[in-house]
C-alpha atoms as a PDB file:
ATOM      1  CA  UNK A   1      33.786  32.276  20.385  1.00  0.00           C
ATOM      2  CA  UNK A   2      33.420  34.943  23.040  1.00  0.00           C
ATOM      3  CA  UNK A   3      29.876  34.023  24.132  1.00  0.00           C
ATOM      4  CA  UNK A   4      30.345  30.239  23.944  1.00  0.00           C
ATOM      5  CA  UNK A   5      29.370  28.322  27.044  1.00  0.00           C
ATOM      6  CA  UNK A   6      32.164  26.343  28.664  1.00  0.00           C
ATOM      7  CA  UNK A   7      30.399  25.134  31.816  1.00  0.00           C
ATOM      8  CA  UNK A   8      28.578  21.817  31.177  1.00  0.00           C
ATOM      9  CA  UNK A   9      25.949  22.762  33.767  1.00  0.00           C
ATOM     10  CA  UNK A  10      24.937  25.757  31.599  1.00  0.00           C
ATOM     11  CA  UNK A  11      25.006  24.063  28.190  1.00  0.00           C
ATOM     12  CA  UNK A  12      23.854  20.902  26.453  1.00  0.00           C
ATOM     13  CA  UNK A  13      26.155  17.928  26.151  1.00  0.00           C
ATOM     14  CA  UNK A  14      25.971  15.890  22.962  1.00  0.00           C
ATOM     15  CA  UNK A  15      27.462  12.401  23.384  1.00  0.00           C
ATOM     16  CA  UNK A  16      28.806  10.800  20.226  1.00  0.00           C
ATOM     17  CA  UNK A  17      29.813   7.147  19.864  1.00  0.00           C
ATOM     18  CA  UNK A  18      32.148   6.132  17.074  1.00  0.00           C
ATOM     19  CA  UNK A  19      32.206   2.803  15.257  1.00  0.00           C
ATOM     20  CA  UNK A  20      34.651   1.408  17.841  1.00  0.00           C
ATOM     21  CA  UNK A  21      32.305   2.168  20.742  1.00  0.00           C
ATOM     22  CA  UNK A  22      34.326   5.084  22.099  1.00  0.00           C
ATOM     23  CA  UNK A  23      32.246   7.930  23.470  1.00  0.00           C
ATOM     24  CA  UNK A  24      33.129  11.604  23.323  1.00  0.00           C
ATOM     25  CA  UNK A  25      31.087  14.618  24.344  1.00  0.00           C
ATOM     26  CA  UNK A  26      30.537  17.881  22.512  1.00  0.00           C
ATOM     27  CA  UNK A  27      29.409  20.915  24.472  1.00  0.00           C
ATOM     28  CA  UNK A  28      26.823  22.992  22.583  1.00  0.00           C
ATOM     29  CA  UNK A  29      25.113  26.246  23.536  1.00  0.00           C
ATOM     30  CA  UNK A  30      21.698  24.934  22.564  1.00  0.00           C
ATOM     31  CA  UNK A  31      19.566  23.176  19.987  1.00  0.00           C
ATOM     32  CA  UNK A  32      17.559  25.159  17.491  1.00  0.00           C
ATOM     33  CA  UNK A  33      15.124  22.372  16.736  1.00  0.00           C
ATOM     34  CA  UNK A  34      14.710  18.887  15.401  1.00  0.00           C
ATOM     35  CA  UNK A  35      13.756  17.776  11.897  1.00  0.00           C
ATOM     36  CA  UNK A  36      13.721  14.615   9.833  1.00  0.00           C
ATOM     37  CA  UNK A  37      16.018  15.158   6.877  1.00  0.00           C
ATOM     38  CA  UNK A  38      17.205  13.450   3.751  1.00  0.00           C
ATOM     39  CA  UNK A  39      20.943  14.060   3.718  1.00  0.00           C
ATOM     40  CA  UNK A  40      22.698  14.416   0.381  1.00  0.00           C
ATOM     41  CA  UNK A  41      26.446  14.090  -0.029  1.00  0.00           C
ATOM     42  CA  UNK A  42      28.395  17.196  -0.947  1.00  0.00           C
ATOM     43  CA  UNK A  43      28.888  18.061  -4.576  1.00  0.00           C
ATOM     44  CA  UNK A  44      32.038  16.576  -6.090  1.00  0.00           C
ATOM     45  CA  UNK A  45      33.159  20.132  -6.900  1.00  0.00           C
ATOM     46  CA  UNK A  46      33.383  20.907  -3.184  1.00  0.00           C
ATOM     47  CA  UNK A  47      35.237  17.756  -2.278  1.00  0.00           C
ATOM     48  CA  UNK A  48      35.511  16.794   1.353  1.00  0.00           C
ATOM     49  CA  UNK A  49      34.727  19.565   3.827  1.00  0.00           C
ATOM     50  CA  UNK A  50      36.101  18.823   7.306  1.00  0.00           C
ATOM     51  CA  UNK A  51      33.327  18.573   9.882  1.00  0.00           C
ATOM     52  CA  UNK A  52      30.517  18.431   7.302  1.00  0.00           C
ATOM     53  CA  UNK A  53      28.898  15.162   6.224  1.00  0.00           C
ATOM     54  CA  UNK A  54      26.443  16.564   3.695  1.00  0.00           C
ATOM     55  CA  UNK A  55      23.576  18.932   2.995  1.00  0.00           C
ATOM     56  CA  UNK A  56      19.803  18.890   3.306  1.00  0.00           C
ATOM     57  CA  UNK A  57      17.011  21.063   1.962  1.00  0.00           C
ATOM     58  CA  UNK A  58      14.759  22.208   4.793  1.00  0.00           C
ATOM     59  CA  UNK A  59      10.981  22.485   4.601  1.00  0.00           C
ATOM     60  CA  UNK A  60      11.253  26.238   3.966  1.00  0.00           C
ATOM     61  CA  UNK A  61      13.585  25.678   0.993  1.00  0.00           C
ATOM     62  CA  UNK A  62      16.765  26.722   2.768  1.00  0.00           C
ATOM     63  CA  UNK A  63      19.862  24.556   2.490  1.00  0.00           C
ATOM     64  CA  UNK A  64      21.478  23.314   5.703  1.00  0.00           C
ATOM     65  CA  UNK A  65      24.917  21.839   6.216  1.00  0.00           C
ATOM     66  CA  UNK A  66      24.857  18.615   8.215  1.00  0.00           C
ATOM     67  CA  UNK A  67      27.739  18.394  10.656  1.00  0.00           C
ATOM     68  CA  UNK A  68      29.825  15.288  11.223  1.00  0.00           C
ATOM     69  CA  UNK A  69      30.451  15.188  15.003  1.00  0.00           C
ATOM     70  CA  UNK A  70      33.001  12.366  14.759  1.00  0.00           C
ATOM     71  CA  UNK A  71      35.089  14.372  12.293  1.00  0.00           C
ATOM     72  CA  UNK A  72      34.888  17.495  14.487  1.00  0.00           C
ATOM     73  CA  UNK A  73      35.970  15.524  17.558  1.00  0.00           C
ATOM     74  CA  UNK A  74      38.851  13.913  15.652  1.00  0.00           C
ATOM     75  CA  UNK A  75      40.003  17.351  14.439  1.00  0.00           C
ATOM     76  CA  UNK A  76      39.829  18.767  17.984  1.00  0.00           C
ATOM     77  CA  UNK A  77      41.834  15.862  19.406  1.00  0.00           C
ATOM     78  CA  UNK A  78      44.520  16.253  16.727  1.00  0.00           C
ATOM     79  CA  UNK A  79      44.630  20.017  17.296  1.00  0.00           C
ATOM     80  CA  UNK A  80      44.964  19.532  21.063  1.00  0.00           C
ATOM     81  CA  UNK A  81      47.767  16.969  20.618  1.00  0.00           C
ATOM     82  CA  UNK A  82      49.623  19.265  18.190  1.00  0.00           C
ATOM     83  CA  UNK A  83      49.306  22.186  20.632  1.00  0.00           C
ATOM     84  CA  UNK A  84      50.667  20.091  23.487  1.00  0.00           C
ATOM     85  CA  UNK A  85      53.768  19.036  21.513  1.00  0.00           C
END
């Protein structure tokens, strides 16, 4: 992404802990807001979508995809390892 922030002092850092207690950080450009949601799993027709844990219907009726940070981090680590080989 051409306008993505890469300097942690200019962006937000999201720290994610996995079930084994390992911590990894995601660098994000910003947060759009915060809401309490009821997350629904994806339709069986869609199957598993990498990086997405489910969907939610927002207060304005729009549907939002709910990201799965652990899955995104795992994908990035595998991609980095494959690139290094």
